[in-house]
Amino acid sequence: GAASTIMADMETAKLGHVATTEVSNAYGIISIDGKSSRDMLAKHCALDLHESVFTKGTAIQTIMGHAGIILIATGDNSFNIIGRASFMPYLVALLADASVEYGFEYRPAK
């Protein structure tokens, strides 16, 4: 892919000492959408997620459970959670548990 081409170009260029590490697969994204999404996220995230404060386009780095994440409001009740790929199973389980009372429906990306 593009990352490996860039890495190869940097390593063969006459730049002196260069070290490259591909991290393009190091992060994952979980998308949350629904009228109760703010309440569900608040169970494991110590931020003020009220719609008057955490508005569309807002992004913040925080902790969810025991995992470091970036939380982005993509709509009125839509969010993207970006975290390390190794924490994705933990975050999915955490969010699944937090959302049971709201009629949780898990749909993996295709």
PDB file of N, CA and C in Angstrom:
ATOM      1  N   GLY A   1       0.803  -1.184   0.000  1.00  0.00           N
ATOM      2  CA  GLY A   1       0.000   0.000   0.000  1.00  0.00           C
ATOM      3  C   GLY A   1       0.849   1.251   0.000  1.00  0.00           C
ATOM      4  N   ALA A   2       0.204   2.359   0.170  1.00  0.00           N
ATOM      5  CA  ALA A   2       0.873   3.661   0.159  1.00  0.00           C
ATOM      6  C   ALA A   2       1.878   3.787   1.296  1.00  0.00           C
ATOM      7  N   ALA A   3       1.533   3.248   2.464  1.00  0.00           N
ATOM      8  CA  ALA A   3       2.443   3.358   3.610  1.00  0.00           C
ATOM      9  C   ALA A   3       3.761   2.658   3.337  1.00  0.00           C
ATOM     10  N   SER A   4       3.716   1.462   2.761  1.00  0.00           N
ATOM     11  CA  SER A   4       4.960   0.735   2.495  1.00  0.00           C
ATOM     12  C   SER A   4       5.794   1.435   1.425  1.00  0.00           C
ATOM     13  N   THR A   5       5.156   2.070   0.458  1.00  0.00           N
ATOM     14  CA  THR A   5       5.880   2.828  -0.573  1.00  0.00           C
ATOM     15  C   THR A   5       6.588   4.031   0.042  1.00  0.00           C
ATOM     16  N   ILE A   6       5.894   4.757   0.891  1.00  0.00           N
ATOM     17  CA  ILE A   6       6.493   5.914   1.566  1.00  0.00           C
ATOM     18  C   ILE A   6       7.663   5.469   2.431  1.00  0.00           C
ATOM     19  N   MET A   7       7.476   4.374   3.168  1.00  0.00           N
ATOM     20  CA  MET A   7       8.549   3.867   4.024  1.00  0.00           C
ATOM     21  C   MET A   7       9.769   3.494   3.198  1.00  0.00           C
ATOM     22  N   ALA A   8       9.563   2.799   2.088  1.00  0.00           N
ATOM     23  CA  ALA A   8      10.676   2.393   1.227  1.00  0.00           C
ATOM     24  C   ALA A   8      11.385   3.614   0.654  1.00  0.00           C
ATOM     25  N   ASP A   9      10.630   4.613   0.225  1.00  0.00           N
ATOM     26  CA  ASP A   9      11.225   5.841  -0.314  1.00  0.00           C
ATOM     27  C   ASP A   9      12.083   6.550   0.731  1.00  0.00           C
ATOM     28  N   MET A  10      11.589   6.616   1.955  1.00  0.00           N
ATOM     29  CA  MET A  10      12.343   7.282   3.017  1.00  0.00           C
ATOM     30  C   MET A  10      13.623   6.532   3.344  1.00  0.00           C
ATOM     31  N   GLU A  11      13.541   5.203   3.359  1.00  0.00           N
ATOM     32  CA  GLU A  11      14.706   4.401   3.714  1.00  0.00           C
ATOM     33  C   GLU A  11      15.777   4.423   2.631  1.00  0.00           C
ATOM     34  N   THR A  12      15.401   4.623   1.373  1.00  0.00           N
ATOM     35  CA  THR A  12      16.386   4.642   0.287  1.00  0.00           C
ATOM     36  C   THR A  12      16.864   6.049  -0.043  1.00  0.00           C
ATOM     37  N   ALA A  13      16.174   7.062   0.449  1.00  0.00           N
ATOM     38  CA  ALA A  13      16.600   8.449   0.204  1.00  0.00           C
ATOM     39  C   ALA A  13      17.864   8.741   1.002  1.00  0.00           C
ATOM     40  N   LYS A  14      18.606   9.722   0.559  1.00  0.00           N
ATOM     41  CA  LYS A  14      19.838  10.102   1.254  1.00  0.00           C
ATOM     42  C   LYS A  14      19.507  11.136   2.325  1.00  0.00           C
ATOM     43  N   LEU A  15      18.845  10.650   3.389  1.00  0.00           N
ATOM     44  CA  LEU A  15      18.407  11.537   4.468  1.00  0.00           C
ATOM     45  C   LEU A  15      19.261  11.389   5.715  1.00  0.00           C
ATOM     46  N   GLY A  16      20.283  10.579   5.653  1.00  0.00           N
ATOM     47  CA  GLY A  16      21.045  10.298   6.859  1.00  0.00           C
ATOM     48  C   GLY A  16      20.376   9.161   7.606  1.00  0.00           C
ATOM     49  N   HIS A  17      20.364   9.240   8.933  1.00  0.00           N
ATOM     50  CA  HIS A  17      19.760   8.177   9.740  1.00  0.00           C
ATOM     51  C   HIS A  17      18.233   8.326   9.747  1.00  0.00           C
ATOM     52  N   VAL A  18      17.532   7.312   9.257  1.00  0.00           N
ATOM     53  CA  VAL A  18      16.068   7.315   9.213  1.00  0.00           C
ATOM     54  C   VAL A  18      15.567   5.955   9.677  1.00  0.00           C
ATOM     55  N   ALA A  19      14.568   5.958  10.530  1.00  0.00           N
ATOM     56  CA  ALA A  19      13.904   4.725  10.944  1.00  0.00           C
ATOM     57  C   ALA A  19      12.413   4.919  10.717  1.00  0.00           C
ATOM     58  N   THR A  20      11.754   3.932  10.136  1.00  0.00           N
ATOM     59  CA  THR A  20      10.313   4.030   9.892  1.00  0.00           C
ATOM     60  C   THR A  20       9.605   2.845  10.520  1.00  0.00           C
ATOM     61  N   THR A  21       8.396   3.081  10.972  1.00  0.00           N
ATOM     62  CA  THR A  21       7.553   2.030  11.530  1.00  0.00           C
ATOM     63  C   THR A  21       6.139   2.255  11.026  1.00  0.00           C
ATOM     64  N   GLU A  22       5.567   1.254  10.394  1.00  0.00           N
ATOM     65  CA  GLU A  22       4.185   1.375   9.922  1.00  0.00           C
ATOM     66  C   GLU A  22       3.236   1.133  11.089  1.00  0.00           C
ATOM     67  N   VAL A  23       2.322   2.061  11.303  1.00  0.00           N
ATOM     68  CA  VAL A  23       1.336   1.936  12.377  1.00  0.00           C
ATOM     69  C   VAL A  23      -0.088   2.081  11.848  1.00  0.00           C
ATOM     70  N   SER A  24      -0.263   1.893  10.548  1.00  0.00           N
ATOM     71  CA  SER A  24      -1.579   2.113   9.949  1.00  0.00           C
ATOM     72  C   SER A  24      -2.633   1.136  10.457  1.00  0.00           C
ATOM     73  N   ASN A  25      -2.222  -0.002  10.974  1.00  0.00           N
ATOM     74  CA  ASN A  25      -3.176  -0.970  11.521  1.00  0.00           C
ATOM     75  C   ASN A  25      -3.202  -0.942  13.043  1.00  0.00           C
ATOM     76  N   ALA A  26      -2.647   0.093  13.636  1.00  0.00           N
ATOM     77  CA  ALA A  26      -2.540   0.161  15.087  1.00  0.00           C
ATOM     78  C   ALA A  26      -3.817   0.650  15.765  1.00  0.00           C
ATOM     79  N   TYR A  27      -4.735   1.235  15.008  1.00  0.00           N
ATOM     80  CA  TYR A  27      -5.941   1.814  15.596  1.00  0.00           C
ATOM     81  C   TYR A  27      -7.198   1.258  14.945  1.00  0.00           C
ATOM     82  N   GLY A  28      -8.273   1.265  15.711  1.00  0.00           N
ATOM     83  CA  GLY A  28      -9.575   0.859  15.200  1.00  0.00           C
ATOM     84  C   GLY A  28     -10.601   1.932  15.521  1.00  0.00           C
ATOM     85  N   ILE A  29     -11.754   1.834  14.881  1.00  0.00           N
ATOM     86  CA  ILE A  29     -12.837   2.797  15.100  1.00  0.00           C
ATOM     87  C   ILE A  29     -14.124   2.041  15.404  1.00  0.00           C
ATOM     88  N   ILE A  30     -14.823   2.488  16.430  1.00  0.00           N
ATOM     89  CA  ILE A  30     -16.154   1.988  16.757  1.00  0.00           C
ATOM     90  C   ILE A  30     -17.109   3.153  16.540  1.00  0.00           C
ATOM     91  N   SER A  31     -18.163   2.934  15.766  1.00  0.00           N
ATOM     92  CA  SER A  31     -19.175   3.972  15.528  1.00  0.00           C
ATOM     93  C   SER A  31     -20.408   3.666  16.361  1.00  0.00           C
ATOM     94  N   ILE A  32     -20.893   4.675  17.069  1.00  0.00           N
ATOM     95  CA  ILE A  32     -22.066   4.560  17.938  1.00  0.00           C
ATOM     96  C   ILE A  32     -23.104   5.554  17.434  1.00  0.00           C
ATOM     97  N   ASP A  33     -24.360   5.114  17.353  1.00  0.00           N
ATOM     98  CA  ASP A  33     -25.423   6.000  16.890  1.00  0.00           C
ATOM     99  C   ASP A  33     -26.721   5.597  17.573  1.00  0.00           C
ATOM    100  N   GLY A  34     -27.485   6.567  18.018  1.00  0.00           N
ATOM    101  CA  GLY A  34     -28.788   6.285  18.608  1.00  0.00           C
ATOM    102  C   GLY A  34     -29.155   7.298  19.671  1.00  0.00           C
ATOM    103  N   LYS A  35     -30.446   7.368  19.982  1.00  0.00           N
ATOM    104  CA  LYS A  35     -30.937   8.392  20.901  1.00  0.00           C
ATOM    105  C   LYS A  35     -30.379   8.251  22.318  1.00  0.00           C
ATOM    106  N   SER A  36     -29.951   7.057  22.718  1.00  0.00           N
ATOM    107  CA  SER A  36     -29.403   6.850  24.064  1.00  0.00           C
ATOM    108  C   SER A  36     -27.883   6.753  24.068  1.00  0.00           C
ATOM    109  N   SER A  37     -27.253   7.072  22.950  1.00  0.00           N
ATOM    110  CA  SER A  37     -25.803   6.891  22.851  1.00  0.00           C
ATOM    111  C   SER A  37     -25.036   7.726  23.877  1.00  0.00           C
ATOM    112  N   ARG A  38     -25.470   8.936  24.150  1.00  0.00           N
ATOM    113  CA  ARG A  38     -24.772   9.778  25.130  1.00  0.00           C
ATOM    114  C   ARG A  38     -24.846   9.173  26.528  1.00  0.00           C
ATOM    115  N   ASP A  39     -26.028   8.672  26.905  1.00  0.00           N
ATOM    116  CA  ASP A  39     -26.188   8.046  28.220  1.00  0.00           C
ATOM    117  C   ASP A  39     -25.344   6.784  28.324  1.00  0.00           C
ATOM    118  N   MET A  40     -25.324   6.001  27.257  1.00  0.00           N
ATOM    119  CA  MET A  40     -24.543   4.773  27.247  1.00  0.00           C
ATOM    120  C   MET A  40     -23.055   5.075  27.372  1.00  0.00           C
ATOM    121  N   LEU A  41     -22.561   6.054  26.615  1.00  0.00           N
ATOM    122  CA  LEU A  41     -21.143   6.419  26.679  1.00  0.00           C
ATOM    123  C   LEU A  41     -20.771   6.973  28.054  1.00  0.00           C
ATOM    124  N   ALA A  42     -21.684   7.707  28.678  1.00  0.00           N
ATOM    125  CA  ALA A  42     -21.412   8.322  29.979  1.00  0.00           C
ATOM    126  C   ALA A  42     -21.170   7.291  31.076  1.00  0.00           C
ATOM    127  N   LYS A  43     -21.606   6.069  30.883  1.00  0.00           N
ATOM    128  CA  LYS A  43     -21.384   5.030  31.890  1.00  0.00           C
ATOM    129  C   LYS A  43     -19.906   4.732  32.092  1.00  0.00           C
ATOM    130  N   HIS A  44     -19.107   4.925  31.061  1.00  0.00           N
ATOM    131  CA  HIS A  44     -17.677   4.593  31.152  1.00  0.00           C
ATOM    132  C   HIS A  44     -16.768   5.739  30.732  1.00  0.00           C
ATOM    133  N   CYS A  45     -17.302   6.928  30.614  1.00  0.00           N
ATOM    134  CA  CYS A  45     -16.514   8.069  30.152  1.00  0.00           C
ATOM    135  C   CYS A  45     -16.845   9.275  31.038  1.00  0.00           C
ATOM    136  N   ALA A  46     -15.861   9.793  31.747  1.00  0.00           N
ATOM    137  CA  ALA A  46     -16.088  10.869  32.714  1.00  0.00           C
ATOM    138  C   ALA A  46     -16.021  12.253  32.065  1.00  0.00           C
ATOM    139  N   LEU A  47     -16.763  12.429  30.990  1.00  0.00           N
ATOM    140  CA  LEU A  47     -16.846  13.722  30.308  1.00  0.00           C
ATOM    141  C   LEU A  47     -18.275  14.230  30.371  1.00  0.00           C
ATOM    142  N   ASP A  48     -18.445  15.530  30.225  1.00  0.00           N
ATOM    143  CA  ASP A  48     -19.783  16.094  30.084  1.00  0.00           C
ATOM    144  C   ASP A  48     -20.183  15.916  28.621  1.00  0.00           C
ATOM    145  N   LEU A  49     -21.030  14.943  28.363  1.00  0.00           N
ATOM    146  CA  LEU A  49     -21.435  14.614  27.002  1.00  0.00           C
ATOM    147  C   LEU A  49     -22.769  15.249  26.609  1.00  0.00           C
ATOM    148  N   HIS A  50     -23.261  16.178  27.415  1.00  0.00           N
ATOM    149  CA  HIS A  50     -24.527  16.838  27.083  1.00  0.00           C
ATOM    150  C   HIS A  50     -24.414  17.496  25.713  1.00  0.00           C
ATOM    151  N   GLU A  51     -25.509  17.451  24.953  1.00  0.00           N
ATOM    152  CA  GLU A  51     -25.483  17.957  23.573  1.00  0.00           C
ATOM    153  C   GLU A  51     -25.173  19.451  23.474  1.00  0.00           C
ATOM    154  N   SER A  52     -25.339  20.194  24.553  1.00  0.00           N
ATOM    155  CA  SER A  52     -24.991  21.624  24.526  1.00  0.00           C
ATOM    156  C   SER A  52     -23.490  21.852  24.711  1.00  0.00           C
ATOM    157  N   VAL A  53     -22.787  20.831  25.181  1.00  0.00           N
ATOM    158  CA  VAL A  53     -21.349  20.941  25.441  1.00  0.00           C
ATOM    159  C   VAL A  53     -20.542  20.147  24.416  1.00  0.00           C
ATOM    160  N   PHE A  54     -20.911  18.899  24.232  1.00  0.00           N
ATOM    161  CA  PHE A  54     -20.182  18.004  23.324  1.00  0.00           C
ATOM    162  C   PHE A  54     -20.960  17.948  22.010  1.00  0.00           C
ATOM    163  N   THR A  55     -20.728  18.949  21.165  1.00  0.00           N
ATOM    164  CA  THR A  55     -21.496  19.130  19.933  1.00  0.00           C
ATOM    165  C   THR A  55     -20.827  18.457  18.741  1.00  0.00           C
ATOM    166  N   LYS A  56     -21.557  18.355  17.646  1.00  0.00           N
ATOM    167  CA  LYS A  56     -21.032  17.758  16.417  1.00  0.00           C
ATOM    168  C   LYS A  56     -19.706  18.412  16.042  1.00  0.00           C
ATOM    169  N   GLY A  57     -18.711  17.576  15.761  1.00  0.00           N
ATOM    170  CA  GLY A  57     -17.386  18.061  15.399  1.00  0.00           C
ATOM    171  C   GLY A  57     -16.418  18.123  16.563  1.00  0.00           C
ATOM    172  N   THR A  58     -16.925  17.981  17.788  1.00  0.00           N
ATOM    173  CA  THR A  58     -16.056  17.997  18.963  1.00  0.00           C
ATOM    174  C   THR A  58     -15.279  16.690  19.039  1.00  0.00           C
ATOM    175  N   ALA A  59     -14.003  16.787  19.359  1.00  0.00           N
ATOM    176  CA  ALA A  59     -13.150  15.608  19.533  1.00  0.00           C
ATOM    177  C   ALA A  59     -12.299  15.817  20.772  1.00  0.00           C
ATOM    178  N   ILE A  60     -12.134  14.741  21.548  1.00  0.00           N
ATOM    179  CA  ILE A  60     -11.333  14.845  22.762  1.00  0.00           C
ATOM    180  C   ILE A  60     -10.659  13.513  23.045  1.00  0.00           C
ATOM    181  N   GLN A  61      -9.466  13.589  23.597  1.00  0.00           N
ATOM    182  CA  GLN A  61      -8.755  12.388  24.024  1.00  0.00           C
ATOM    183  C   GLN A  61      -9.090  12.165  25.484  1.00  0.00           C
ATOM    184  N   THR A  62      -9.481  10.928  25.835  1.00  0.00           N
ATOM    185  CA  THR A  62      -9.915  10.627  27.194  1.00  0.00           C
ATOM    186  C   THR A  62      -9.702   9.137  27.478  1.00  0.00           C
ATOM    187  N   ILE A  63     -10.250   8.687  28.585  1.00  0.00           N
ATOM    188  CA  ILE A  63     -10.191   7.282  28.985  1.00  0.00           C
ATOM    189  C   ILE A  63     -11.609   6.731  28.994  1.00  0.00           C
ATOM    190  N   MET A  64     -11.795   5.548  28.439  1.00  0.00           N
ATOM    191  CA  MET A  64     -13.067   4.837  28.520  1.00  0.00           C
ATOM    192  C   MET A  64     -12.770   3.496  29.172  1.00  0.00           C
ATOM    193  N   GLY A  65     -13.335   3.298  30.360  1.00  0.00           N
ATOM    194  CA  GLY A  65     -12.957   2.109  31.114  1.00  0.00           C
ATOM    195  C   GLY A  65     -11.484   2.232  31.465  1.00  0.00           C
ATOM    196  N   HIS A  66     -10.680   1.310  30.930  1.00  0.00           N
ATOM    197  CA  HIS A  66      -9.229   1.353  31.156  1.00  0.00           C
ATOM    198  C   HIS A  66      -8.462   1.619  29.872  1.00  0.00           C
ATOM    199  N   ALA A  67      -9.137   2.057  28.833  1.00  0.00           N
ATOM    200  CA  ALA A  67      -8.495   2.245  27.526  1.00  0.00           C
ATOM    201  C   ALA A  67      -8.457   3.719  27.139  1.00  0.00           C
ATOM    202  N   GLY A  68      -7.329   4.148  26.630  1.00  0.00           N
ATOM    203  CA  GLY A  68      -7.216   5.496  26.089  1.00  0.00           C
ATOM    204  C   GLY A  68      -7.911   5.561  24.740  1.00  0.00           C
ATOM    205  N   ILE A  69      -8.725   6.586  24.534  1.00  0.00           N
ATOM    206  CA  ILE A  69      -9.484   6.717  23.281  1.00  0.00           C
ATOM    207  C   ILE A  69      -9.499   8.166  22.814  1.00  0.00           C
ATOM    208  N   ILE A  70      -9.927   8.358  21.594  1.00  0.00           N
ATOM    209  CA  ILE A  70     -10.325   9.665  21.086  1.00  0.00           C
ATOM    210  C   ILE A  70     -11.808   9.539  20.770  1.00  0.00           C
ATOM    211  N   LEU A  71     -12.609  10.413  21.349  1.00  0.00           N
ATOM    212  CA  LEU A  71     -14.059  10.404  21.144  1.00  0.00           C
ATOM    213  C   LEU A  71     -14.423  11.596  20.267  1.00  0.00           C
ATOM    214  N   ILE A  72     -15.130  11.313  19.173  1.00  0.00           N
ATOM    215  CA  ILE A  72     -15.517  12.351  18.219  1.00  0.00           C
ATOM    216  C   ILE A  72     -17.034  12.333  18.060  1.00  0.00           C
ATOM    217  N   ALA A  73     -17.672  13.495  18.235  1.00  0.00           N
ATOM    218  CA  ALA A  73     -19.108  13.620  17.971  1.00  0.00           C
ATOM    219  C   ALA A  73     -19.274  13.859  16.471  1.00  0.00           C
ATOM    220  N   THR A  74     -19.850  12.883  15.779  1.00  0.00           N
ATOM    221  CA  THR A  74     -20.019  12.981  14.325  1.00  0.00           C
ATOM    222  C   THR A  74     -21.415  13.448  13.933  1.00  0.00           C
ATOM    223  N   GLY A  75     -22.308  13.525  14.906  1.00  0.00           N
ATOM    224  CA  GLY A  75     -23.680  13.970  14.681  1.00  0.00           C
ATOM    225  C   GLY A  75     -24.313  14.264  16.023  1.00  0.00           C
ATOM    226  N   ASP A  76     -25.616  14.557  16.032  1.00  0.00           N
ATOM    227  CA  ASP A  76     -26.297  14.876  17.282  1.00  0.00           C
ATOM    228  C   ASP A  76     -26.196  13.745  18.298  1.00  0.00           C
ATOM    229  N   ASN A  77     -26.364  12.520  17.856  1.00  0.00           N
ATOM    230  CA  ASN A  77     -26.272  11.347  18.725  1.00  0.00           C
ATOM    231  C   ASN A  77     -25.392  10.270  18.106  1.00  0.00           C
ATOM    232  N   SER A  78     -24.402  10.687  17.332  1.00  0.00           N
ATOM    233  CA  SER A  78     -23.489   9.767  16.650  1.00  0.00           C
ATOM    234  C   SER A  78     -22.061  10.074  17.070  1.00  0.00           C
ATOM    235  N   PHE A  79     -21.296   9.004  17.314  1.00  0.00           N
ATOM    236  CA  PHE A  79     -19.932   9.166  17.803  1.00  0.00           C
ATOM    237  C   PHE A  79     -19.013   8.141  17.168  1.00  0.00           C
ATOM    238  N   ASN A  80     -17.752   8.515  17.009  1.00  0.00           N
ATOM    239  CA  ASN A  80     -16.694   7.579  16.658  1.00  0.00           C
ATOM    240  C   ASN A  80     -15.757   7.490  17.843  1.00  0.00           C
ATOM    241  N   ILE A  81     -15.389   6.268  18.173  1.00  0.00           N
ATOM    242  CA  ILE A  81     -14.419   6.007  19.226  1.00  0.00           C
ATOM    243  C   ILE A  81     -13.192   5.432  18.539  1.00  0.00           C
ATOM    244  N   ILE A  82     -12.077   6.120  18.651  1.00  0.00           N
ATOM    245  CA  ILE A  82     -10.830   5.655  18.051  1.00  0.00           C
ATOM    246  C   ILE A  82      -9.931   5.184  19.180  1.00  0.00           C
ATOM    247  N   GLY A  83      -9.436   3.967  19.049  1.00  0.00           N
ATOM    248  CA  GLY A  83      -8.556   3.412  20.073  1.00  0.00           C
ATOM    249  C   GLY A  83      -7.582   2.427  19.466  1.00  0.00           C
ATOM    250  N   ARG A  84      -6.635   2.007  20.263  1.00  0.00           N
ATOM    251  CA  ARG A  84      -5.653   1.039  19.796  1.00  0.00           C
ATOM    252  C   ARG A  84      -6.361  -0.258  19.418  1.00  0.00           C
ATOM    253  N   ALA A  85      -5.928  -0.856  18.344  1.00  0.00           N
ATOM    254  CA  ALA A  85      -6.556  -2.081  17.835  1.00  0.00           C
ATOM    255  C   ALA A  85      -6.578  -3.175  18.894  1.00  0.00           C
ATOM    256  N   SER A  86      -5.543  -3.242  19.707  1.00  0.00           N
ATOM    257  CA  SER A  86      -5.481  -4.285  20.733  1.00  0.00           C
ATOM    258  C   SER A  86      -6.547  -4.098  21.812  1.00  0.00           C
ATOM    259  N   PHE A  87      -7.104  -2.899  21.954  1.00  0.00           N
ATOM    260  CA  PHE A  87      -8.156  -2.639  22.934  1.00  0.00           C
ATOM    261  C   PHE A  87      -9.563  -2.759  22.351  1.00  0.00           C
ATOM    262  N   MET A  88      -9.701  -2.962  21.053  1.00  0.00           N
ATOM    263  CA  MET A  88     -11.027  -2.998  20.430  1.00  0.00           C
ATOM    264  C   MET A  88     -11.943  -4.074  21.021  1.00  0.00           C
ATOM    265  N   PRO A  89     -11.488  -5.319  21.213  1.00  0.00           N
ATOM    266  CA  PRO A  89     -12.393  -6.311  21.817  1.00  0.00           C
ATOM    267  C   PRO A  89     -12.866  -5.885  23.216  1.00  0.00           C
ATOM    268  N   TYR A  90     -11.967  -5.316  24.000  1.00  0.00           N
ATOM    269  CA  TYR A  90     -12.329  -4.828  25.333  1.00  0.00           C
ATOM    270  C   TYR A  90     -13.371  -3.717  25.238  1.00  0.00           C
ATOM    271  N   LEU A  91     -13.153  -2.747  24.351  1.00  0.00           N
ATOM    272  CA  LEU A  91     -14.086  -1.629  24.208  1.00  0.00           C
ATOM    273  C   LEU A  91     -15.452  -2.085  23.701  1.00  0.00           C
ATOM    274  N   VAL A  92     -15.472  -3.013  22.753  1.00  0.00           N
ATOM    275  CA  VAL A  92     -16.749  -3.540  22.252  1.00  0.00           C
ATOM    276  C   VAL A  92     -17.506  -4.224  23.386  1.00  0.00           C
ATOM    277  N   ALA A  93     -16.821  -5.044  24.185  1.00  0.00           N
ATOM    278  CA  ALA A  93     -17.472  -5.722  25.311  1.00  0.00           C
ATOM    279  C   ALA A  93     -17.968  -4.710  26.342  1.00  0.00           C
ATOM    280  N   LEU A  94     -17.172  -3.697  26.628  1.00  0.00           N
ATOM    281  CA  LEU A  94     -17.547  -2.656  27.584  1.00  0.00           C
ATOM    282  C   LEU A  94     -18.800  -1.918  27.122  1.00  0.00           C
ATOM    283  N   LEU A  95     -18.820  -1.532  25.855  1.00  0.00           N
ATOM    284  CA  LEU A  95     -19.964  -0.805  25.303  1.00  0.00           C
ATOM    285  C   LEU A  95     -21.195  -1.697  25.170  1.00  0.00           C
ATOM    286  N   ALA A  96     -20.992  -2.959  24.829  1.00  0.00           N
ATOM    287  CA  ALA A  96     -22.123  -3.892  24.736  1.00  0.00           C
ATOM    288  C   ALA A  96     -22.803  -4.030  26.091  1.00  0.00           C
ATOM    289  N   ASP A  97     -22.006  -4.166  27.147  1.00  0.00           N
ATOM    290  CA  ASP A  97     -22.561  -4.281  28.489  1.00  0.00           C
ATOM    291  C   ASP A  97     -23.287  -2.995  28.893  1.00  0.00           C
ATOM    292  N   ALA A  98     -22.705  -1.849  28.572  1.00  0.00           N
ATOM    293  CA  ALA A  98     -23.297  -0.559  28.943  1.00  0.00           C
ATOM    294  C   ALA A  98     -24.583  -0.263  28.186  1.00  0.00           C
ATOM    295  N   SER A  99     -24.802  -0.941  27.075  1.00  0.00           N
ATOM    296  CA  SER A  99     -25.945  -0.602  26.222  1.00  0.00           C
ATOM    297  C   SER A  99     -27.104  -1.586  26.283  1.00  0.00           C
ATOM    298  N   VAL A 100     -27.010  -2.603  27.113  1.00  0.00           N
ATOM    299  CA  VAL A 100     -28.069  -3.616  27.195  1.00  0.00           C
ATOM    300  C   VAL A 100     -29.422  -2.982  27.502  1.00  0.00           C
ATOM    301  N   GLU A 101     -29.468  -2.069  28.463  1.00  0.00           N
ATOM    302  CA  GLU A 101     -30.749  -1.466  28.857  1.00  0.00           C
ATOM    303  C   GLU A 101     -31.357  -0.578  27.776  1.00  0.00           C
ATOM    304  N   TYR A 102     -30.579  -0.258  26.755  1.00  0.00           N
ATOM    305  CA  TYR A 102     -31.061   0.604  25.675  1.00  0.00           C
ATOM    306  C   TYR A 102     -31.437  -0.179  24.422  1.00  0.00           C
ATOM    307  N   GLY A 103     -31.506  -1.502  24.515  1.00  0.00           N
ATOM    308  CA  GLY A 103     -31.865  -2.315  23.355  1.00  0.00           C
ATOM    309  C   GLY A 103     -30.706  -2.487  22.391  1.00  0.00           C
ATOM    310  N   PHE A 104     -29.545  -2.771  22.926  1.00  0.00           N
ATOM    311  CA  PHE A 104     -28.305  -2.914  22.160  1.00  0.00           C
ATOM    312  C   PHE A 104     -28.456  -3.792  20.926  1.00  0.00           C
ATOM    313  N   GLU A 105     -27.871  -3.340  19.829  1.00  0.00           N
ATOM    314  CA  GLU A 105     -27.780  -4.138  18.603  1.00  0.00           C
ATOM    315  C   GLU A 105     -26.374  -3.971  18.050  1.00  0.00           C
ATOM    316  N   TYR A 106     -25.593  -5.035  18.083  1.00  0.00           N
ATOM    317  CA  TYR A 106     -24.213  -5.009  17.589  1.00  0.00           C
ATOM    318  C   TYR A 106     -24.194  -5.462  16.143  1.00  0.00           C
ATOM    319  N   ARG A 107     -23.676  -4.610  15.253  1.00  0.00           N
ATOM    320  CA  ARG A 107     -23.553  -4.941  13.836  1.00  0.00           C
ATOM    321  C   ARG A 107     -22.114  -4.710  13.401  1.00  0.00           C
ATOM    322  N   PRO A 108     -21.338  -5.791  13.230  1.00  0.00           N
ATOM    323  CA  PRO A 108     -19.950  -5.618  12.785  1.00  0.00           C
ATOM    324  C   PRO A 108     -19.905  -4.985  11.399  1.00  0.00           C
ATOM    325  N   ALA A 109     -18.834  -4.233  11.146  1.00  0.00           N
ATOM    326  CA  ALA A 109     -18.641  -3.626   9.821  1.00  0.00           C
ATOM    327  C   ALA A 109     -18.473  -4.719   8.784  1.00  0.00           C
ATOM    328  N   LYS A 110     -18.926  -4.438   7.569  1.00  0.00           N
ATOM    329  CA  LYS A 110     -18.832  -5.436   6.496  1.00  0.00           C
ATOM    330  C   LYS A 110     -17.569  -5.254   5.709  1.00  0.00           C
TER     331      LYS A 110
END
